[in-house]
Amino acid sequence: MIALVDADVVAYRIAFGCNDDPDKVAIAKAAEFLEDLVFTFANADDCEGYLTGKDNFRHQIAKTVQYKANRVAEKPRHLGIIREYMISAWAFSVQEKQEADDAISIRAYAMGEEDYIICSIDKDLNNVRGWHYDFNKNERYFVKEEEAIKNFYRQVLTGDRVDNVPGLAGIGPKKAEKILQDCSTEEELYKAVLEAYKGNVELLTEQAQLLWLRRKEDELWQPPRI
């Protein structure tokens, strides 16, 4: 089994945790964390890691509000050297024009669902089927394809505050679940969400394309045929 590591969240976690330590200590902590994560907690045989690089196709899609405009916090001082260590020592790849999450999803859908485990704490990756390991909760769980699709449409309703994707005002997880509770196919999920959007296909498509994690290179989400 291969661990697909969301290296963005790992790098930030380690960097924040050792902000006052010397560079050498930060790198040592990164090494220890990754070795434990991949080989002990995820119980994987090998790993691939992904980091987000420059630019992002979502910035051109976002028309309602600017994508990730709310991310203004100062970065931890060791973030750069930890990323460099991950690239040089672990051969983690930097993704240009898309996010690490997209690369993880693309890789996952190129493999059998029992062949990998996604290591992250990012709920967005619950839109991807297969094994997951949440290292905050020390929780290993499996997401079925139908669950992954429903998670995606639920997020189209609720939005994503972390990434400044608004979704629909006034709809939280409970309301979203109620809207989708009787849906069993993607077509039914889409119809229910479109009704909540009052038939505004353009707005729904914008939000969905911002939230969709690619299954293949250069993919953009499109509404299902109904």
C-alpha atoms as a PDB file:
ATOM      1  CA  MET A   1       0.000   0.000   0.000  1.00  0.00           C
ATOM      2  CA  ILE A   2       1.221   3.497  -0.898  1.00  0.00           C
ATOM      3  CA  ALA A   3       0.670   6.472   1.394  1.00  0.00           C
ATOM      4  CA  LEU A   4      -0.425   9.552  -0.551  1.00  0.00           C
ATOM      5  CA  VAL A   5       0.723  12.369   1.720  1.00  0.00           C
ATOM      6  CA  ASP A   6      -0.865  15.803   1.765  1.00  0.00           C
ATOM      7  CA  ALA A   7       2.502  17.449   2.325  1.00  0.00           C
ATOM      8  CA  ASP A   8       1.033  20.968   2.543  1.00  0.00           C
ATOM      9  CA  VAL A   9      -0.713  20.279   5.847  1.00  0.00           C
ATOM     10  CA  VAL A  10       2.187  18.199   7.149  1.00  0.00           C
ATOM     11  CA  ALA A  11       4.689  20.973   6.420  1.00  0.00           C
ATOM     12  CA  TYR A  12       2.549  23.611   8.134  1.00  0.00           C
ATOM     13  CA  ARG A  13       1.905  21.391  11.133  1.00  0.00           C
ATOM     14  CA  ILE A  14       5.575  20.688  11.696  1.00  0.00           C
ATOM     15  CA  ALA A  15       6.658  24.276  11.014  1.00  0.00           C
ATOM     16  CA  PHE A  16       4.176  25.753  13.482  1.00  0.00           C
ATOM     17  CA  GLY A  17       5.185  23.192  16.090  1.00  0.00           C
ATOM     18  CA  CYS A  18       8.870  24.104  15.975  1.00  0.00           C
ATOM     19  CA  ASN A  19       8.754  27.790  15.119  1.00  0.00           C
ATOM     20  CA  ASP A  20      11.283  28.704  17.836  1.00  0.00           C
ATOM     21  CA  ASP A  21      13.678  25.821  17.147  1.00  0.00           C
ATOM     22  CA  PRO A  22      16.843  25.886  14.985  1.00  0.00           C
ATOM     23  CA  ASP A  23      16.647  24.765  11.359  1.00  0.00           C
ATOM     24  CA  LYS A  24      18.355  21.456  12.142  1.00  0.00           C
ATOM     25  CA  VAL A  25      15.719  20.595  14.740  1.00  0.00           C
ATOM     26  CA  ALA A  26      12.879  21.469  12.358  1.00  0.00           C
ATOM     27  CA  ILE A  27      14.253  19.098   9.719  1.00  0.00           C
ATOM     28  CA  ALA A  28      14.781  16.330  12.276  1.00  0.00           C
ATOM     29  CA  LYS A  29      11.189  16.693  13.455  1.00  0.00           C
ATOM     30  CA  ALA A  30       9.947  16.579   9.875  1.00  0.00           C
ATOM     31  CA  ALA A  31      11.895  13.362   9.264  1.00  0.00           C
ATOM     32  CA  GLU A  32      10.570  11.722  12.396  1.00  0.00           C
ATOM     33  CA  PHE A  33       6.989  12.793  11.734  1.00  0.00           C
ATOM     34  CA  LEU A  34       6.982  11.500   8.154  1.00  0.00           C
ATOM     35  CA  GLU A  35       8.585   8.173   9.039  1.00  0.00           C
ATOM     36  CA  ASP A  36       6.036   7.577  11.798  1.00  0.00           C
ATOM     37  CA  LEU A  37       3.141   8.761   9.638  1.00  0.00           C
ATOM     38  CA  VAL A  38       3.926   6.599   6.615  1.00  0.00           C
ATOM     39  CA  PHE A  39       5.364   3.421   8.044  1.00  0.00           C
ATOM     40  CA  THR A  40       3.783   3.158  11.515  1.00  0.00           C
ATOM     41  CA  PHE A  41       0.423   4.914  11.620  1.00  0.00           C
ATOM     42  CA  ALA A  42      -0.620   4.597   7.964  1.00  0.00           C
ATOM     43  CA  ASN A  43       1.121   1.182   7.850  1.00  0.00           C
ATOM     44  CA  ALA A  44       2.154   1.777   4.227  1.00  0.00           C
ATOM     45  CA  ASP A  45       5.035   0.212   2.312  1.00  0.00           C
ATOM     46  CA  ASP A  46       6.006   3.391   0.472  1.00  0.00           C
ATOM     47  CA  CYS A  47       4.823   6.957   0.003  1.00  0.00           C
ATOM     48  CA  GLU A  48       4.298   9.752  -2.476  1.00  0.00           C
ATOM     49  CA  GLY A  49       3.894  13.327  -1.298  1.00  0.00           C
ATOM     50  CA  TYR A  50       2.467  16.418  -2.944  1.00  0.00           C
ATOM     51  CA  LEU A  51       3.016  20.124  -2.323  1.00  0.00           C
ATOM     52  CA  THR A  52       1.112  23.047  -3.830  1.00  0.00           C
ATOM     53  CA  GLY A  53       3.277  25.319  -5.946  1.00  0.00           C
ATOM     54  CA  LYS A  54       2.609  28.569  -7.763  1.00  0.00           C
ATOM     55  CA  ASP A  55      -0.598  29.641  -9.448  1.00  0.00           C
ATOM     56  CA  ASN A  56      -3.876  27.752  -9.312  1.00  0.00           C
ATOM     57  CA  PHE A  57      -6.511  27.339 -11.995  1.00  0.00           C
ATOM     58  CA  ARG A  58      -9.223  28.116  -9.423  1.00  0.00           C
ATOM     59  CA  HIS A  59      -8.223  31.781  -9.279  1.00  0.00           C
ATOM     60  CA  GLN A  60      -9.500  32.214 -12.836  1.00  0.00           C
ATOM     61  CA  ILE A  61     -12.768  30.393 -12.072  1.00  0.00           C
ATOM     62  CA  ALA A  62     -13.711  32.330  -8.935  1.00  0.00           C
ATOM     63  CA  LYS A  63     -16.005  35.216  -9.908  1.00  0.00           C
ATOM     64  CA  THR A  64     -18.301  35.552  -6.892  1.00  0.00           C
ATOM     65  CA  VAL A  65     -15.477  36.118  -4.396  1.00  0.00           C
ATOM     66  CA  GLN A  66     -11.696  35.797  -4.669  1.00  0.00           C
ATOM     67  CA  TYR A  67     -10.446  32.275  -4.053  1.00  0.00           C
ATOM     68  CA  LYS A  68      -8.507  31.909  -0.777  1.00  0.00           C
ATOM     69  CA  ALA A  69      -8.566  35.676  -0.269  1.00  0.00           C
ATOM     70  CA  ASN A  70      -8.959  35.123   3.488  1.00  0.00           C
ATOM     71  CA  ARG A  71      -5.522  33.516   3.876  1.00  0.00           C
ATOM     72  CA  VAL A  72      -3.445  36.390   5.237  1.00  0.00           C
ATOM     73  CA  ALA A  73      -1.769  34.810   8.289  1.00  0.00           C
ATOM     74  CA  GLU A  74       2.008  34.968   8.479  1.00  0.00           C
ATOM     75  CA  LYS A  75       3.714  31.726   7.466  1.00  0.00           C
ATOM     76  CA  PRO A  76       5.851  29.885  10.039  1.00  0.00           C
ATOM     77  CA  ARG A  77       9.536  30.614   9.545  1.00  0.00           C
ATOM     78  CA  HIS A  78      10.644  27.001   8.944  1.00  0.00           C
ATOM     79  CA  LEU A  79       8.022  26.285   6.288  1.00  0.00           C
ATOM     80  CA  GLY A  80      10.417  26.832   3.396  1.00  0.00           C
ATOM     81  CA  ILE A  81      13.214  24.571   4.635  1.00  0.00           C
ATOM     82  CA  ILE A  82      10.754  21.825   5.580  1.00  0.00           C
ATOM     83  CA  ARG A  83       9.298  21.908   2.082  1.00  0.00           C
ATOM     84  CA  GLU A  84      12.812  21.798   0.608  1.00  0.00           C
ATOM     85  CA  TYR A  85      13.636  18.810   2.822  1.00  0.00           C
ATOM     86  CA  MET A  86      10.491  16.978   1.670  1.00  0.00           C
ATOM     87  CA  ILE A  87      11.415  17.580  -1.975  1.00  0.00           C
ATOM     88  CA  SER A  88      15.075  16.578  -1.678  1.00  0.00           C
ATOM     89  CA  ALA A  89      14.902  13.735   0.871  1.00  0.00           C
ATOM     90  CA  TRP A  90      11.466  12.265   0.121  1.00  0.00           C
ATOM     91  CA  ALA A  91      11.103  13.184  -3.583  1.00  0.00           C
ATOM     92  CA  PHE A  92       7.778  14.889  -2.931  1.00  0.00           C
ATOM     93  CA  SER A  93       6.506  16.716  -6.011  1.00  0.00           C
ATOM     94  CA  VAL A  94       5.467  20.364  -6.313  1.00  0.00           C
ATOM     95  CA  GLN A  95       2.242  20.928  -8.221  1.00  0.00           C
ATOM     96  CA  GLU A  96       2.045  23.936 -10.523  1.00  0.00           C
ATOM     97  CA  LYS A  97      -1.321  25.435 -11.567  1.00  0.00           C
ATOM     98  CA  GLN A  98      -3.244  23.032  -9.333  1.00  0.00           C
ATOM     99  CA  GLU A  99      -3.245  22.012  -5.679  1.00  0.00           C
ATOM    100  CA  ALA A 100      -1.689  19.098  -3.851  1.00  0.00           C
ATOM    101  CA  ASP A 101      -5.209  17.793  -3.238  1.00  0.00           C
ATOM    102  CA  ASP A 102      -5.812  17.575  -6.990  1.00  0.00           C
ATOM    103  CA  ALA A 103      -2.627  15.584  -7.492  1.00  0.00           C
ATOM    104  CA  ILE A 104      -3.554  13.199  -4.682  1.00  0.00           C
ATOM    105  CA  SER A 105      -6.995  12.671  -6.190  1.00  0.00           C
ATOM    106  CA  ILE A 106      -5.613  12.125  -9.702  1.00  0.00           C
ATOM    107  CA  ARG A 107      -3.121   9.578  -8.376  1.00  0.00           C
ATOM    108  CA  ALA A 108      -5.784   7.829  -6.301  1.00  0.00           C
ATOM    109  CA  TYR A 109      -8.136   7.417  -9.248  1.00  0.00           C
ATOM    110  CA  ALA A 110      -5.302   5.983 -11.327  1.00  0.00           C
ATOM    111  CA  MET A 111      -4.932   3.203  -8.734  1.00  0.00           C
ATOM    112  CA  GLY A 112      -7.141   0.530  -7.248  1.00  0.00           C
ATOM    113  CA  GLU A 113      -9.029   1.785  -4.203  1.00  0.00           C
ATOM    114  CA  GLU A 114      -7.277  -0.737  -1.929  1.00  0.00           C
ATOM    115  CA  ASP A 115      -3.788   0.210  -3.122  1.00  0.00           C
ATOM    116  CA  TYR A 116      -3.305   3.529  -1.328  1.00  0.00           C
ATOM    117  CA  ILE A 117      -4.121   5.451   1.814  1.00  0.00           C
ATOM    118  CA  ILE A 118      -4.540   9.238   1.797  1.00  0.00           C
ATOM    119  CA  CYS A 119      -2.769  10.880   4.740  1.00  0.00           C
ATOM    120  CA  SER A 120      -4.250  14.260   5.605  1.00  0.00           C
ATOM    121  CA  ILE A 121      -6.474  16.177   7.982  1.00  0.00           C
ATOM    122  CA  ASP A 122      -8.166  18.091   5.150  1.00  0.00           C
ATOM    123  CA  LYS A 123     -11.882  17.240   4.918  1.00  0.00           C
ATOM    124  CA  ASP A 124     -11.821  18.174   1.211  1.00  0.00           C
ATOM    125  CA  LEU A 125     -10.082  14.882   0.518  1.00  0.00           C
ATOM    126  CA  ASN A 126     -13.144  13.007   1.769  1.00  0.00           C
ATOM    127  CA  ASN A 127     -14.408  13.732  -1.761  1.00  0.00           C
ATOM    128  CA  VAL A 128     -11.991  10.991  -2.893  1.00  0.00           C
ATOM    129  CA  ARG A 129     -12.816   7.304  -2.517  1.00  0.00           C
ATOM    130  CA  GLY A 130     -10.457   4.872  -0.835  1.00  0.00           C
ATOM    131  CA  TRP A 131      -8.574   4.518   2.439  1.00  0.00           C
ATOM    132  CA  HIS A 132      -7.840   7.624   4.525  1.00  0.00           C
ATOM    133  CA  TYR A 133      -5.761   8.312   7.599  1.00  0.00           C
ATOM    134  CA  ASP A 134      -6.477  11.432   9.691  1.00  0.00           C
ATOM    135  CA  PHE A 135      -3.324  12.007  11.727  1.00  0.00           C
ATOM    136  CA  ASN A 136      -5.009  14.559  14.001  1.00  0.00           C
ATOM    137  CA  LYS A 137      -7.602  12.038  15.128  1.00  0.00           C
ATOM    138  CA  ASN A 138      -5.407   8.971  14.620  1.00  0.00           C
ATOM    139  CA  GLU A 139      -8.316   7.585  12.597  1.00  0.00           C
ATOM    140  CA  ARG A 140      -8.197   5.211   9.643  1.00  0.00           C
ATOM    141  CA  TYR A 141     -11.370   4.962   7.549  1.00  0.00           C
ATOM    142  CA  PHE A 142     -12.672   4.035   4.098  1.00  0.00           C
ATOM    143  CA  VAL A 143     -14.725   6.298   1.824  1.00  0.00           C
ATOM    144  CA  LYS A 144     -16.891   4.562  -0.775  1.00  0.00           C
ATOM    145  CA  GLU A 145     -17.312   6.179  -4.198  1.00  0.00           C
ATOM    146  CA  GLU A 146     -20.976   7.005  -3.552  1.00  0.00           C
ATOM    147  CA  GLU A 147     -19.989   8.616  -0.243  1.00  0.00           C
ATOM    148  CA  ALA A 148     -17.269  10.633  -1.965  1.00  0.00           C
ATOM    149  CA  ILE A 149     -19.750  12.001  -4.515  1.00  0.00           C
ATOM    150  CA  LYS A 150     -22.276  12.865  -1.813  1.00  0.00           C
ATOM    151  CA  ASN A 151     -19.554  14.578   0.245  1.00  0.00           C
ATOM    152  CA  PHE A 152     -18.768  16.711  -2.803  1.00  0.00           C
ATOM    153  CA  TYR A 153     -22.369  17.820  -3.371  1.00  0.00           C
ATOM    154  CA  ARG A 154     -22.780  18.494   0.334  1.00  0.00           C
ATOM    155  CA  GLN A 155     -19.783  20.808   0.118  1.00  0.00           C
ATOM    156  CA  VAL A 156     -21.255  22.566  -2.940  1.00  0.00           C
ATOM    157  CA  LEU A 157     -24.153  23.494  -0.658  1.00  0.00           C
ATOM    158  CA  THR A 158     -22.161  24.460   2.441  1.00  0.00           C
ATOM    159  CA  GLY A 159     -19.100  25.930   0.731  1.00  0.00           C
ATOM    160  CA  ASP A 160     -15.623  25.957   2.257  1.00  0.00           C
ATOM    161  CA  ARG A 161     -14.740  28.842   4.554  1.00  0.00           C
ATOM    162  CA  VAL A 162     -11.065  27.861   4.678  1.00  0.00           C
ATOM    163  CA  ASP A 163     -10.749  28.378   0.908  1.00  0.00           C
ATOM    164  CA  ASN A 164     -13.241  31.279   0.760  1.00  0.00           C
ATOM    165  CA  VAL A 165     -15.774  29.333  -1.307  1.00  0.00           C
ATOM    166  CA  PRO A 166     -19.159  30.637  -0.074  1.00  0.00           C
ATOM    167  CA  GLY A 167     -21.600  27.942  -1.198  1.00  0.00           C
ATOM    168  CA  LEU A 168     -25.169  28.927  -0.321  1.00  0.00           C
ATOM    169  CA  ALA A 169     -25.879  31.374   2.499  1.00  0.00           C
ATOM    170  CA  GLY A 170     -27.600  29.851   5.496  1.00  0.00           C
ATOM    171  CA  ILE A 171     -26.875  26.234   4.644  1.00  0.00           C
ATOM    172  CA  GLY A 172     -24.747  24.285   7.076  1.00  0.00           C
ATOM    173  CA  PRO A 173     -24.062  20.546   7.322  1.00  0.00           C
ATOM    174  CA  LYS A 174     -27.477  19.689   8.826  1.00  0.00           C
ATOM    175  CA  LYS A 175     -29.479  21.570   6.196  1.00  0.00           C
ATOM    176  CA  ALA A 176     -27.294  20.134   3.448  1.00  0.00           C
ATOM    177  CA  GLU A 177     -27.850  16.618   4.714  1.00  0.00           C
ATOM    178  CA  LYS A 178     -31.604  17.182   4.757  1.00  0.00           C
ATOM    179  CA  ILE A 179     -31.540  18.431   1.155  1.00  0.00           C
ATOM    180  CA  LEU A 180     -29.600  15.364   0.008  1.00  0.00           C
ATOM    181  CA  GLN A 181     -31.086  12.699   2.274  1.00  0.00           C
ATOM    182  CA  ASP A 182     -33.360  11.074  -0.334  1.00  0.00           C
ATOM    183  CA  CYS A 183     -30.793  11.115  -3.162  1.00  0.00           C
ATOM    184  CA  SER A 184     -29.191   7.847  -4.244  1.00  0.00           C
ATOM    185  CA  THR A 185     -27.601   8.755  -7.613  1.00  0.00           C
ATOM    186  CA  GLU A 186     -25.415  11.618  -8.787  1.00  0.00           C
ATOM    187  CA  GLU A 187     -28.200  12.865 -11.025  1.00  0.00           C
ATOM    188  CA  GLU A 188     -30.541  13.077  -8.025  1.00  0.00           C
ATOM    189  CA  LEU A 189     -27.858  14.829  -5.966  1.00  0.00           C
ATOM    190  CA  TYR A 190     -27.318  17.372  -8.725  1.00  0.00           C
ATOM    191  CA  LYS A 191     -31.042  18.046  -9.148  1.00  0.00           C
ATOM    192  CA  ALA A 192     -31.459  18.583  -5.394  1.00  0.00           C
ATOM    193  CA  VAL A 193     -28.503  20.976  -5.265  1.00  0.00           C
ATOM    194  CA  LEU A 194     -29.667  22.832  -8.378  1.00  0.00           C
ATOM    195  CA  GLU A 195     -33.082  23.314  -6.783  1.00  0.00           C
ATOM    196  CA  ALA A 196     -31.400  24.738  -3.664  1.00  0.00           C
ATOM    197  CA  TYR A 197     -29.486  27.107  -5.979  1.00  0.00           C
ATOM    198  CA  LYS A 198     -32.879  28.117  -7.450  1.00  0.00           C
ATOM    199  CA  GLY A 199     -31.862  26.938 -10.889  1.00  0.00           C
ATOM    200  CA  ASN A 200     -28.736  29.100 -11.087  1.00  0.00           C
ATOM    201  CA  VAL A 201     -26.549  26.717 -13.105  1.00  0.00           C
ATOM    202  CA  GLU A 202     -23.791  29.304 -13.580  1.00  0.00           C
ATOM    203  CA  LEU A 203     -23.314  29.917  -9.856  1.00  0.00           C
ATOM    204  CA  LEU A 204     -23.573  26.224  -9.010  1.00  0.00           C
ATOM    205  CA  THR A 205     -20.983  25.361 -11.660  1.00  0.00           C
ATOM    206  CA  GLU A 206     -18.580  28.013 -10.375  1.00  0.00           C
ATOM    207  CA  GLN A 207     -18.807  26.718  -6.802  1.00  0.00           C
ATOM    208  CA  ALA A 208     -18.554  23.087  -7.903  1.00  0.00           C
ATOM    209  CA  GLN A 209     -15.492  23.689 -10.082  1.00  0.00           C
ATOM    210  CA  LEU A 210     -13.759  25.408  -7.174  1.00  0.00           C
ATOM    211  CA  LEU A 211     -14.489  22.468  -4.859  1.00  0.00           C
ATOM    212  CA  TRP A 212     -14.028  19.521  -7.231  1.00  0.00           C
ATOM    213  CA  LEU A 213     -10.792  17.553  -6.869  1.00  0.00           C
ATOM    214  CA  ARG A 214      -9.621  16.408 -10.262  1.00  0.00           C
ATOM    215  CA  ARG A 215      -9.817  12.738 -11.221  1.00  0.00           C
ATOM    216  CA  LYS A 216      -7.538  13.254 -14.213  1.00  0.00           C
ATOM    217  CA  GLU A 217      -5.161  15.913 -15.514  1.00  0.00           C
ATOM    218  CA  ASP A 218      -6.642  19.299 -16.489  1.00  0.00           C
ATOM    219  CA  GLU A 219     -10.161  18.154 -15.610  1.00  0.00           C
ATOM    220  CA  LEU A 220     -12.898  20.696 -14.859  1.00  0.00           C
ATOM    221  CA  TRP A 221     -16.124  19.566 -13.243  1.00  0.00           C
ATOM    222  CA  GLN A 222     -19.191  19.642 -15.480  1.00  0.00           C
ATOM    223  CA  PRO A 223     -22.835  19.056 -14.495  1.00  0.00           C
ATOM    224  CA  PRO A 224     -24.038  15.488 -15.087  1.00  0.00           C
ATOM    225  CA  ARG A 225     -26.453  14.868 -17.925  1.00  0.00           C
ATOM    226  CA  ILE A 226     -30.000  14.750 -16.625  1.00  0.00           C
END
